N, C-alpha and C. Protein backbone atom coordinates (compact mmCIF):
# COMPACT_ATOMS: atom_id res chain seq x y z
N MET A 1 -61.50 -25.44 -64.27
CA MET A 1 -60.76 -26.47 -64.92
C MET A 1 -59.47 -25.91 -65.50
N LEU A 2 -59.54 -24.69 -66.05
CA LEU A 2 -58.35 -24.05 -66.61
C LEU A 2 -57.31 -23.82 -65.52
N ALA A 3 -57.77 -23.39 -64.34
CA ALA A 3 -56.84 -23.15 -63.24
C ALA A 3 -56.17 -24.44 -62.81
N SER A 4 -56.90 -25.55 -62.80
CA SER A 4 -56.32 -26.84 -62.44
C SER A 4 -55.28 -27.26 -63.46
N LEU A 5 -55.55 -27.02 -64.74
CA LEU A 5 -54.61 -27.37 -65.80
C LEU A 5 -53.35 -26.53 -65.67
N ILE A 6 -53.51 -25.23 -65.42
CA ILE A 6 -52.35 -24.36 -65.23
C ILE A 6 -51.56 -24.81 -64.02
N LEU A 7 -52.26 -25.16 -62.94
CA LEU A 7 -51.63 -25.62 -61.72
C LEU A 7 -50.80 -26.87 -61.99
N LEU A 8 -51.35 -27.84 -62.71
CA LEU A 8 -50.62 -29.07 -63.00
C LEU A 8 -49.43 -28.81 -63.90
N LEU A 9 -49.59 -27.96 -64.90
CA LEU A 9 -48.48 -27.67 -65.81
C LEU A 9 -47.38 -26.89 -65.11
N ALA A 10 -47.76 -25.95 -64.26
CA ALA A 10 -46.77 -25.09 -63.63
C ALA A 10 -46.06 -25.75 -62.46
N PHE A 11 -46.80 -26.51 -61.66
CA PHE A 11 -46.22 -27.02 -60.43
C PHE A 11 -46.14 -28.55 -60.39
N GLY A 12 -46.68 -29.23 -61.36
CA GLY A 12 -46.64 -30.68 -61.37
C GLY A 12 -47.66 -31.27 -60.42
N SER A 13 -47.83 -32.57 -60.50
CA SER A 13 -48.85 -33.22 -59.68
C SER A 13 -48.41 -33.37 -58.24
N ALA A 14 -47.12 -33.14 -57.93
CA ALA A 14 -46.64 -33.31 -56.56
C ALA A 14 -46.93 -32.09 -55.70
N ALA A 15 -47.43 -31.01 -56.26
CA ALA A 15 -47.72 -29.81 -55.48
C ALA A 15 -48.85 -30.09 -54.51
N SER A 16 -48.70 -29.57 -53.30
CA SER A 16 -49.75 -29.76 -52.31
C SER A 16 -50.33 -28.41 -51.95
N ALA A 17 -51.49 -28.41 -51.32
CA ALA A 17 -52.15 -27.15 -50.96
C ALA A 17 -51.30 -26.37 -49.97
N SER A 18 -50.50 -27.05 -49.13
CA SER A 18 -49.67 -26.33 -48.18
C SER A 18 -48.55 -25.57 -48.89
N GLN A 19 -48.15 -26.00 -50.09
CA GLN A 19 -47.12 -25.29 -50.84
C GLN A 19 -47.71 -24.09 -51.56
N LEU A 20 -48.99 -24.08 -51.76
CA LEU A 20 -49.63 -23.03 -52.54
C LEU A 20 -50.67 -22.31 -51.70
N PRO A 21 -50.23 -21.29 -50.91
CA PRO A 21 -51.18 -20.65 -50.02
C PRO A 21 -52.36 -20.03 -50.72
N GLY A 22 -52.23 -19.59 -51.94
CA GLY A 22 -53.35 -18.97 -52.64
C GLY A 22 -54.05 -19.92 -53.56
N SER A 23 -53.74 -21.18 -53.45
CA SER A 23 -54.25 -22.17 -54.38
C SER A 23 -55.67 -22.60 -54.06
N PRO A 24 -56.47 -22.82 -55.08
CA PRO A 24 -57.81 -23.34 -54.85
C PRO A 24 -57.83 -24.87 -54.80
N MET A 25 -56.64 -25.50 -54.68
CA MET A 25 -56.60 -26.97 -54.68
C MET A 25 -57.47 -27.52 -53.55
N GLY A 26 -58.19 -28.55 -53.85
CA GLY A 26 -59.04 -29.18 -52.85
C GLY A 26 -60.36 -28.47 -52.67
N LYS A 27 -60.54 -27.34 -53.32
CA LYS A 27 -61.80 -26.60 -53.22
C LYS A 27 -62.36 -26.47 -54.63
N SER A 28 -63.65 -26.39 -54.72
CA SER A 28 -64.23 -26.20 -56.04
C SER A 28 -64.05 -24.74 -56.46
N ILE A 29 -63.68 -24.54 -57.70
CA ILE A 29 -63.46 -23.20 -58.22
C ILE A 29 -64.80 -22.66 -58.70
N SER A 30 -65.15 -21.50 -58.19
CA SER A 30 -66.43 -20.93 -58.58
C SER A 30 -66.33 -20.38 -60.00
N LYS A 31 -67.44 -20.32 -60.65
CA LYS A 31 -67.50 -19.79 -62.02
C LYS A 31 -67.73 -18.29 -61.98
N SER A 32 -67.23 -17.64 -60.91
CA SER A 32 -67.46 -16.20 -60.78
C SER A 32 -66.56 -15.42 -61.72
N LYS A 33 -66.74 -14.12 -61.71
CA LYS A 33 -66.00 -13.22 -62.57
C LYS A 33 -64.50 -13.25 -62.24
N PHE A 34 -64.14 -13.43 -60.97
CA PHE A 34 -62.75 -13.40 -60.54
C PHE A 34 -62.23 -14.81 -60.31
N GLN A 35 -61.18 -15.17 -61.03
CA GLN A 35 -60.59 -16.50 -60.95
C GLN A 35 -59.33 -16.44 -60.08
N SER A 36 -59.29 -17.22 -58.99
CA SER A 36 -58.13 -17.26 -58.11
C SER A 36 -56.93 -17.87 -58.83
N ILE A 37 -55.74 -17.35 -58.56
CA ILE A 37 -54.51 -17.84 -59.18
C ILE A 37 -53.59 -18.34 -58.07
N PRO A 38 -53.08 -19.57 -58.18
CA PRO A 38 -52.18 -20.10 -57.15
C PRO A 38 -50.84 -19.36 -57.16
N TYR A 39 -50.24 -19.22 -55.97
CA TYR A 39 -48.94 -18.55 -55.89
C TYR A 39 -48.07 -19.22 -54.84
N LEU A 40 -46.77 -19.01 -54.96
CA LEU A 40 -45.78 -19.55 -54.02
C LEU A 40 -45.03 -18.40 -53.36
N MET A 41 -44.80 -18.49 -52.05
CA MET A 41 -43.96 -17.52 -51.37
C MET A 41 -42.52 -17.80 -51.78
N GLU A 42 -41.75 -16.76 -52.04
CA GLU A 42 -40.36 -16.91 -52.45
C GLU A 42 -39.43 -16.34 -51.38
N THR A 43 -38.28 -17.00 -51.17
CA THR A 43 -37.27 -16.45 -50.28
C THR A 43 -36.27 -15.69 -51.14
N GLU A 44 -35.60 -14.72 -50.54
CA GLU A 44 -34.66 -13.90 -51.29
C GLU A 44 -33.51 -14.76 -51.84
N GLU A 45 -33.10 -15.77 -51.10
CA GLU A 45 -32.00 -16.64 -51.55
C GLU A 45 -32.37 -17.44 -52.79
N ALA A 46 -33.64 -17.79 -52.94
CA ALA A 46 -34.07 -18.62 -54.07
C ALA A 46 -34.39 -17.81 -55.33
N LEU A 47 -34.36 -16.49 -55.24
CA LEU A 47 -34.71 -15.66 -56.39
C LEU A 47 -33.60 -15.67 -57.44
N PRO A 48 -33.96 -15.69 -58.72
CA PRO A 48 -32.95 -15.58 -59.78
C PRO A 48 -32.26 -14.21 -59.73
N ASP A 49 -31.05 -14.14 -60.25
CA ASP A 49 -30.30 -12.89 -60.25
C ASP A 49 -31.04 -11.77 -60.96
N GLU A 50 -31.78 -12.11 -62.03
CA GLU A 50 -32.53 -11.08 -62.77
C GLU A 50 -33.55 -10.39 -61.87
N ILE A 51 -34.17 -11.16 -60.97
CA ILE A 51 -35.16 -10.60 -60.04
C ILE A 51 -34.46 -9.79 -58.96
N LYS A 52 -33.34 -10.30 -58.44
CA LYS A 52 -32.59 -9.57 -57.41
C LYS A 52 -32.12 -8.21 -57.93
N GLN A 53 -31.74 -8.15 -59.20
CA GLN A 53 -31.23 -6.90 -59.76
C GLN A 53 -32.34 -6.02 -60.34
N GLY A 54 -33.41 -6.61 -60.86
CA GLY A 54 -34.45 -5.84 -61.53
C GLY A 54 -35.65 -5.50 -60.68
N LEU A 55 -36.10 -6.46 -59.86
CA LEU A 55 -37.34 -6.28 -59.11
C LEU A 55 -37.10 -5.81 -57.67
N LEU A 56 -36.13 -6.40 -56.98
CA LEU A 56 -35.92 -6.07 -55.57
C LEU A 56 -35.58 -4.60 -55.31
N PRO A 57 -34.83 -3.92 -56.19
CA PRO A 57 -34.59 -2.49 -55.94
C PRO A 57 -35.88 -1.65 -55.89
N LYS A 58 -36.96 -2.13 -56.48
CA LYS A 58 -38.24 -1.41 -56.45
C LYS A 58 -38.90 -1.47 -55.07
N ALA A 59 -38.37 -2.29 -54.16
CA ALA A 59 -38.93 -2.42 -52.82
C ALA A 59 -38.82 -1.11 -52.04
N GLU A 60 -37.97 -0.20 -52.47
CA GLU A 60 -37.83 1.09 -51.79
C GLU A 60 -39.05 1.99 -52.01
N LYS A 61 -39.89 1.63 -52.97
CA LYS A 61 -41.12 2.38 -53.24
C LYS A 61 -42.32 1.55 -52.81
N ARG A 62 -43.37 2.21 -52.38
CA ARG A 62 -44.60 1.53 -52.01
C ARG A 62 -45.35 1.11 -53.27
N GLY A 63 -45.80 -0.16 -53.32
CA GLY A 63 -46.60 -0.58 -54.45
C GLY A 63 -46.49 -2.06 -54.75
N ILE A 64 -47.13 -2.46 -55.85
CA ILE A 64 -47.10 -3.84 -56.35
C ILE A 64 -46.36 -3.80 -57.69
N PHE A 65 -45.32 -4.62 -57.82
CA PHE A 65 -44.50 -4.64 -59.03
C PHE A 65 -44.36 -6.09 -59.49
N SER A 66 -44.10 -6.30 -60.79
CA SER A 66 -43.94 -7.67 -61.29
C SER A 66 -42.88 -7.73 -62.37
N GLN A 67 -42.33 -8.94 -62.53
CA GLN A 67 -41.34 -9.20 -63.58
C GLN A 67 -41.39 -10.69 -63.88
N THR A 68 -41.35 -11.04 -65.16
CA THR A 68 -41.37 -12.43 -65.58
C THR A 68 -39.97 -12.87 -65.96
N VAL A 69 -39.56 -14.02 -65.41
CA VAL A 69 -38.28 -14.63 -65.74
C VAL A 69 -38.53 -16.12 -65.91
N GLY A 70 -38.22 -16.64 -67.09
CA GLY A 70 -38.41 -18.06 -67.36
C GLY A 70 -39.87 -18.45 -67.29
N ASP A 71 -40.19 -19.46 -66.48
CA ASP A 71 -41.55 -19.97 -66.39
C ASP A 71 -42.34 -19.40 -65.22
N LYS A 72 -41.84 -18.31 -64.60
CA LYS A 72 -42.53 -17.70 -63.46
C LYS A 72 -42.64 -16.19 -63.63
N THR A 73 -43.73 -15.65 -63.11
CA THR A 73 -43.87 -14.20 -62.96
C THR A 73 -43.75 -13.93 -61.47
N TYR A 74 -42.82 -13.06 -61.11
CA TYR A 74 -42.59 -12.72 -59.71
C TYR A 74 -43.33 -11.43 -59.40
N ILE A 75 -44.01 -11.43 -58.25
CA ILE A 75 -44.78 -10.25 -57.83
C ILE A 75 -44.21 -9.78 -56.50
N LEU A 76 -43.84 -8.50 -56.45
CA LEU A 76 -43.29 -7.87 -55.26
C LEU A 76 -44.33 -6.92 -54.70
N ALA A 77 -44.65 -7.07 -53.42
CA ALA A 77 -45.52 -6.13 -52.72
C ALA A 77 -44.66 -5.45 -51.67
N SER A 78 -44.60 -4.13 -51.71
CA SER A 78 -43.69 -3.40 -50.82
C SER A 78 -44.40 -2.22 -50.16
N LEU A 79 -43.98 -1.93 -48.93
CA LEU A 79 -44.50 -0.75 -48.22
C LEU A 79 -43.59 0.45 -48.41
N GLY A 80 -42.46 0.26 -49.09
CA GLY A 80 -41.50 1.35 -49.22
C GLY A 80 -40.75 1.53 -47.91
N GLU A 81 -40.01 2.61 -47.82
CA GLU A 81 -39.21 2.84 -46.61
C GLU A 81 -40.10 3.32 -45.48
N GLN A 82 -39.98 2.67 -44.32
CA GLN A 82 -40.72 3.03 -43.11
C GLN A 82 -39.73 3.53 -42.06
N THR A 83 -40.17 4.38 -41.15
CA THR A 83 -39.27 4.98 -40.17
C THR A 83 -39.18 4.21 -38.86
N SER A 84 -39.89 3.07 -38.77
CA SER A 84 -39.82 2.28 -37.54
C SER A 84 -40.08 0.81 -37.86
N GLY A 85 -39.78 -0.04 -36.88
CA GLY A 85 -40.10 -1.45 -37.00
C GLY A 85 -41.58 -1.65 -36.75
N GLY A 86 -42.04 -2.88 -36.84
CA GLY A 86 -43.44 -3.19 -36.54
C GLY A 86 -44.36 -3.21 -37.74
N HIS A 87 -43.86 -2.87 -38.94
CA HIS A 87 -44.66 -2.89 -40.15
C HIS A 87 -44.47 -4.24 -40.85
N SER A 88 -45.53 -4.76 -41.46
CA SER A 88 -45.41 -6.00 -42.23
C SER A 88 -46.39 -5.95 -43.40
N ILE A 89 -46.12 -6.79 -44.39
CA ILE A 89 -46.98 -6.88 -45.56
C ILE A 89 -47.08 -8.34 -45.96
N ALA A 90 -48.26 -8.75 -46.41
CA ALA A 90 -48.49 -10.14 -46.84
C ALA A 90 -49.45 -10.13 -48.02
N ILE A 91 -49.23 -11.04 -48.95
CA ILE A 91 -50.16 -11.19 -50.07
C ILE A 91 -51.39 -11.92 -49.55
N GLU A 92 -52.55 -11.35 -49.75
CA GLU A 92 -53.80 -11.97 -49.34
C GLU A 92 -54.36 -12.88 -50.43
N ARG A 93 -54.35 -12.40 -51.67
CA ARG A 93 -54.85 -13.21 -52.78
C ARG A 93 -54.41 -12.62 -54.10
N ILE A 94 -54.39 -13.50 -55.10
CA ILE A 94 -54.08 -13.10 -56.47
C ILE A 94 -55.17 -13.69 -57.34
N TYR A 95 -55.73 -12.88 -58.22
CA TYR A 95 -56.86 -13.35 -59.03
C TYR A 95 -56.90 -12.58 -60.35
N SER A 96 -57.51 -13.20 -61.35
CA SER A 96 -57.68 -12.52 -62.63
C SER A 96 -58.98 -11.74 -62.59
N VAL A 97 -58.93 -10.50 -63.06
CA VAL A 97 -60.13 -9.66 -63.07
C VAL A 97 -60.68 -9.46 -64.47
N SER A 98 -59.87 -9.81 -65.47
CA SER A 98 -60.31 -9.73 -66.86
C SER A 98 -59.35 -10.59 -67.68
N PRO A 99 -59.63 -10.79 -68.96
CA PRO A 99 -58.70 -11.57 -69.77
C PRO A 99 -57.32 -10.93 -69.91
N ALA A 100 -57.17 -9.66 -69.50
CA ALA A 100 -55.89 -8.97 -69.68
C ALA A 100 -55.22 -8.54 -68.38
N VAL A 101 -55.89 -8.70 -67.23
CA VAL A 101 -55.36 -8.14 -65.98
C VAL A 101 -55.42 -9.16 -64.83
N ILE A 102 -54.31 -9.22 -64.09
CA ILE A 102 -54.23 -10.00 -62.85
C ILE A 102 -54.12 -9.00 -61.71
N MET A 103 -54.86 -9.24 -60.63
CA MET A 103 -54.85 -8.34 -59.48
C MET A 103 -54.22 -9.06 -58.29
N ALA A 104 -53.28 -8.39 -57.62
CA ALA A 104 -52.68 -8.90 -56.40
C ALA A 104 -53.13 -8.01 -55.25
N GLN A 105 -53.65 -8.62 -54.20
CA GLN A 105 -54.10 -7.85 -53.04
C GLN A 105 -53.20 -8.17 -51.86
N ALA A 106 -52.60 -7.13 -51.29
CA ALA A 106 -51.70 -7.30 -50.15
C ALA A 106 -52.30 -6.60 -48.94
N LYS A 107 -51.95 -7.11 -47.75
CA LYS A 107 -52.44 -6.52 -46.51
C LYS A 107 -51.27 -5.94 -45.73
N HIS A 108 -51.41 -4.71 -45.30
CA HIS A 108 -50.38 -3.97 -44.57
C HIS A 108 -50.76 -3.89 -43.11
N THR A 109 -49.85 -4.29 -42.23
CA THR A 109 -50.08 -4.17 -40.79
C THR A 109 -49.09 -3.16 -40.23
N SER A 110 -49.59 -2.20 -39.49
CA SER A 110 -48.76 -1.17 -38.85
C SER A 110 -48.80 -1.36 -37.35
N PRO A 111 -47.79 -0.86 -36.66
CA PRO A 111 -47.85 -0.92 -35.20
C PRO A 111 -48.96 -0.01 -34.68
N LYS A 112 -49.53 -0.37 -33.55
CA LYS A 112 -50.56 0.48 -32.94
C LYS A 112 -49.89 1.72 -32.37
N LYS A 113 -50.68 2.72 -32.12
CA LYS A 113 -50.18 4.02 -31.67
C LYS A 113 -49.30 3.89 -30.42
N ASP A 114 -49.70 3.05 -29.48
CA ASP A 114 -48.98 2.94 -28.21
C ASP A 114 -47.95 1.82 -28.19
N ASP A 115 -47.72 1.11 -29.30
CA ASP A 115 -46.75 0.02 -29.35
C ASP A 115 -45.33 0.56 -29.23
N MET A 116 -44.48 -0.21 -28.54
CA MET A 116 -43.06 0.13 -28.44
C MET A 116 -42.38 -0.50 -29.66
N VAL A 117 -41.79 0.30 -30.53
CA VAL A 117 -41.12 -0.20 -31.72
C VAL A 117 -39.74 0.43 -31.85
N MET A 118 -38.86 -0.26 -32.57
CA MET A 118 -37.52 0.28 -32.82
C MET A 118 -37.61 1.45 -33.79
N GLN A 119 -36.85 2.48 -33.54
CA GLN A 119 -36.80 3.61 -34.45
C GLN A 119 -35.64 3.37 -35.42
N VAL A 120 -35.95 2.68 -36.51
CA VAL A 120 -34.95 2.31 -37.50
C VAL A 120 -35.64 2.27 -38.86
N LEU A 121 -34.90 2.60 -39.91
CA LEU A 121 -35.48 2.55 -41.24
C LEU A 121 -35.64 1.09 -41.67
N THR A 122 -36.83 0.74 -42.13
CA THR A 122 -37.10 -0.62 -42.61
C THR A 122 -37.77 -0.54 -43.97
N THR A 123 -37.70 -1.64 -44.72
CA THR A 123 -38.35 -1.72 -46.02
C THR A 123 -39.10 -3.05 -46.09
N PRO A 124 -40.30 -3.12 -45.52
CA PRO A 124 -41.05 -4.38 -45.55
C PRO A 124 -41.52 -4.72 -46.97
N TYR A 125 -41.26 -5.96 -47.39
CA TYR A 125 -41.73 -6.42 -48.70
C TYR A 125 -41.89 -7.93 -48.67
N VAL A 126 -42.62 -8.44 -49.68
CA VAL A 126 -42.80 -9.87 -49.85
C VAL A 126 -42.76 -10.14 -51.35
N VAL A 127 -42.20 -11.31 -51.72
CA VAL A 127 -42.14 -11.70 -53.13
C VAL A 127 -42.83 -13.06 -53.26
N VAL A 128 -43.74 -13.16 -54.22
CA VAL A 128 -44.41 -14.42 -54.54
C VAL A 128 -44.25 -14.67 -56.03
N SER A 129 -44.49 -15.91 -56.43
CA SER A 129 -44.42 -16.22 -57.86
C SER A 129 -45.69 -16.93 -58.30
N ILE A 130 -46.03 -16.71 -59.56
CA ILE A 130 -47.16 -17.38 -60.20
C ILE A 130 -46.65 -17.95 -61.52
N PRO A 131 -47.41 -18.84 -62.16
CA PRO A 131 -46.99 -19.30 -63.47
C PRO A 131 -46.79 -18.11 -64.41
N ALA A 132 -45.79 -18.20 -65.29
CA ALA A 132 -45.46 -17.10 -66.19
C ALA A 132 -46.69 -16.61 -66.94
N THR A 133 -46.80 -15.28 -67.03
CA THR A 133 -47.93 -14.68 -67.72
C THR A 133 -47.49 -13.41 -68.44
N SER A 134 -48.17 -13.08 -69.50
CA SER A 134 -47.91 -11.83 -70.19
C SER A 134 -48.99 -10.79 -69.84
N LEU A 135 -49.90 -11.17 -68.95
CA LEU A 135 -50.97 -10.26 -68.53
C LEU A 135 -50.41 -9.16 -67.64
N ALA A 136 -51.08 -8.02 -67.61
CA ALA A 136 -50.69 -6.91 -66.73
C ALA A 136 -50.99 -7.31 -65.29
N VAL A 137 -50.06 -7.03 -64.40
CA VAL A 137 -50.26 -7.31 -62.98
C VAL A 137 -50.44 -5.97 -62.28
N LYS A 138 -51.58 -5.80 -61.64
CA LYS A 138 -51.89 -4.59 -60.88
C LYS A 138 -52.13 -5.03 -59.44
N GLY A 139 -52.21 -4.09 -58.54
CA GLY A 139 -52.43 -4.49 -57.17
C GLY A 139 -52.88 -3.38 -56.26
N THR A 140 -53.30 -3.79 -55.07
CA THR A 140 -53.71 -2.86 -54.02
C THR A 140 -53.10 -3.31 -52.71
N ILE A 141 -52.84 -2.35 -51.85
CA ILE A 141 -52.36 -2.64 -50.50
C ILE A 141 -53.41 -2.06 -49.55
N VAL A 142 -54.00 -2.93 -48.75
CA VAL A 142 -55.06 -2.50 -47.84
C VAL A 142 -54.57 -2.59 -46.40
N PRO A 143 -55.02 -1.69 -45.54
CA PRO A 143 -54.58 -1.75 -44.14
C PRO A 143 -55.22 -2.91 -43.41
N SER A 144 -54.52 -3.40 -42.40
CA SER A 144 -55.01 -4.48 -41.57
C SER A 144 -55.53 -3.89 -40.26
N HIS A 145 -55.93 -4.76 -39.35
CA HIS A 145 -56.51 -4.33 -38.08
C HIS A 145 -55.51 -3.62 -37.18
N GLY A 146 -54.22 -3.78 -37.38
CA GLY A 146 -53.22 -3.18 -36.51
C GLY A 146 -53.05 -1.69 -36.70
N ILE A 147 -53.55 -1.16 -37.78
CA ILE A 147 -53.36 0.25 -38.07
C ILE A 147 -54.18 1.11 -37.10
N HIS A 148 -53.61 2.22 -36.70
CA HIS A 148 -54.30 3.11 -35.77
C HIS A 148 -55.29 3.98 -36.52
N ILE A 149 -56.55 3.81 -36.19
CA ILE A 149 -57.60 4.64 -36.77
C ILE A 149 -58.25 5.38 -35.61
N PRO A 150 -58.17 6.70 -35.61
CA PRO A 150 -58.74 7.43 -34.48
C PRO A 150 -60.25 7.21 -34.37
N LYS A 151 -60.71 7.16 -33.13
CA LYS A 151 -62.15 7.01 -32.91
C LYS A 151 -62.86 8.30 -33.31
N PRO A 152 -64.04 8.16 -33.90
CA PRO A 152 -64.77 9.39 -34.26
C PRO A 152 -65.23 10.12 -33.01
N THR A 153 -65.21 11.43 -33.06
CA THR A 153 -65.70 12.20 -31.93
C THR A 153 -67.20 12.37 -32.06
N ILE A 154 -67.86 12.02 -31.00
CA ILE A 154 -69.33 12.12 -30.96
C ILE A 154 -69.68 13.25 -30.00
N PRO A 155 -70.43 14.23 -30.45
CA PRO A 155 -70.77 15.34 -29.56
C PRO A 155 -71.61 14.85 -28.38
N LYS A 156 -71.40 15.50 -27.23
CA LYS A 156 -72.18 15.15 -26.05
C LYS A 156 -73.63 15.54 -26.27
N PRO A 157 -74.53 14.70 -25.81
CA PRO A 157 -75.95 15.04 -26.00
C PRO A 157 -76.33 16.25 -25.15
N GLN A 158 -77.13 17.09 -25.70
CA GLN A 158 -77.62 18.27 -25.00
C GLN A 158 -78.91 17.90 -24.28
N PRO A 159 -79.14 18.52 -23.12
CA PRO A 159 -80.39 18.22 -22.42
C PRO A 159 -81.58 18.65 -23.27
N VAL A 160 -82.59 17.84 -23.21
CA VAL A 160 -83.79 18.11 -23.99
C VAL A 160 -84.74 18.98 -23.16
N LYS A 161 -85.18 20.08 -23.76
CA LYS A 161 -86.11 20.96 -23.07
C LYS A 161 -87.51 20.37 -23.21
N PRO A 162 -88.27 20.39 -22.12
CA PRO A 162 -89.63 19.83 -22.21
C PRO A 162 -90.49 20.66 -23.16
N ILE A 163 -91.33 19.98 -23.84
CA ILE A 163 -92.24 20.63 -24.76
C ILE A 163 -93.47 21.07 -23.99
N LYS A 164 -93.80 22.35 -24.16
CA LYS A 164 -95.00 22.86 -23.49
C LYS A 164 -96.18 22.63 -24.40
N LYS A 165 -97.18 21.98 -23.82
CA LYS A 165 -98.39 21.75 -24.59
C LYS A 165 -99.28 22.98 -24.47
N PRO A 166 -99.88 23.38 -25.56
CA PRO A 166 -100.76 24.55 -25.48
C PRO A 166 -101.98 24.24 -24.59
N GLY A 167 -102.32 25.22 -23.81
CA GLY A 167 -103.49 25.07 -22.95
C GLY A 167 -103.14 24.54 -21.58
N PHE A 168 -101.93 24.04 -21.37
CA PHE A 168 -101.56 23.54 -20.06
C PHE A 168 -100.24 24.17 -19.66
N GLN A 169 -100.27 24.93 -18.59
CA GLN A 169 -99.07 25.52 -18.06
C GLN A 169 -99.11 25.41 -16.56
N LYS A 170 -97.96 25.20 -15.98
CA LYS A 170 -97.88 25.15 -14.53
C LYS A 170 -98.10 26.57 -14.00
N PRO A 171 -98.83 26.65 -12.91
CA PRO A 171 -99.01 27.99 -12.35
C PRO A 171 -97.68 28.51 -11.79
N THR A 172 -97.43 29.76 -12.01
CA THR A 172 -96.20 30.38 -11.53
C THR A 172 -96.51 30.99 -10.17
N PRO A 173 -95.76 30.56 -9.14
CA PRO A 173 -96.02 31.16 -7.81
C PRO A 173 -95.63 32.63 -7.79
N VAL A 174 -96.43 33.41 -7.16
CA VAL A 174 -96.18 34.83 -7.04
C VAL A 174 -95.75 35.11 -5.60
N ILE A 175 -94.60 35.70 -5.47
CA ILE A 175 -94.10 36.02 -4.14
C ILE A 175 -94.20 37.54 -3.98
N THR A 176 -94.91 37.91 -2.93
CA THR A 176 -95.05 39.35 -2.68
C THR A 176 -94.33 39.70 -1.39
N PRO A 177 -93.62 40.76 -1.40
CA PRO A 177 -92.91 41.17 -0.17
C PRO A 177 -93.92 41.77 0.83
N TYR A 178 -93.67 41.69 2.13
CA TYR A 178 -94.55 42.27 3.15
C TYR A 178 -94.20 43.65 3.45
């Protein structure tokens, strides 16, 4: 109920679930320990100057960063500087983990080992906003399925030697020269 009230106060009754990718609108909110928080994707053009000057320069470092301006808290998820194209990052979910902490979880996708990618410096990042908060914003960046994970090496099976049962042995042929 609290999340619905925050949602109505922050975004008004005209907000739709398509505008709020992380929103629990239309779904029942569980009474679990972690409360989902609605968020909006932001474009660089729509960001306030304070965010462009204060938060966006942090995109050069890998991590989750936040800054509050007016009635919104902006959250930046960045992979830092990468040496090739093909990398992307997306916010998966934002949720409260305690009365003092909000957690943002981002997913990082890397090119596969054999993918053809441009060799150019890139800085993949995404900015989302949530209703203004004074809570600490922390986050994690987890790899996606595109990341190259080497297959584990499994040793080749060794042939199994037959077990000799006591009391039973094959007779050994004896060859005698003439």
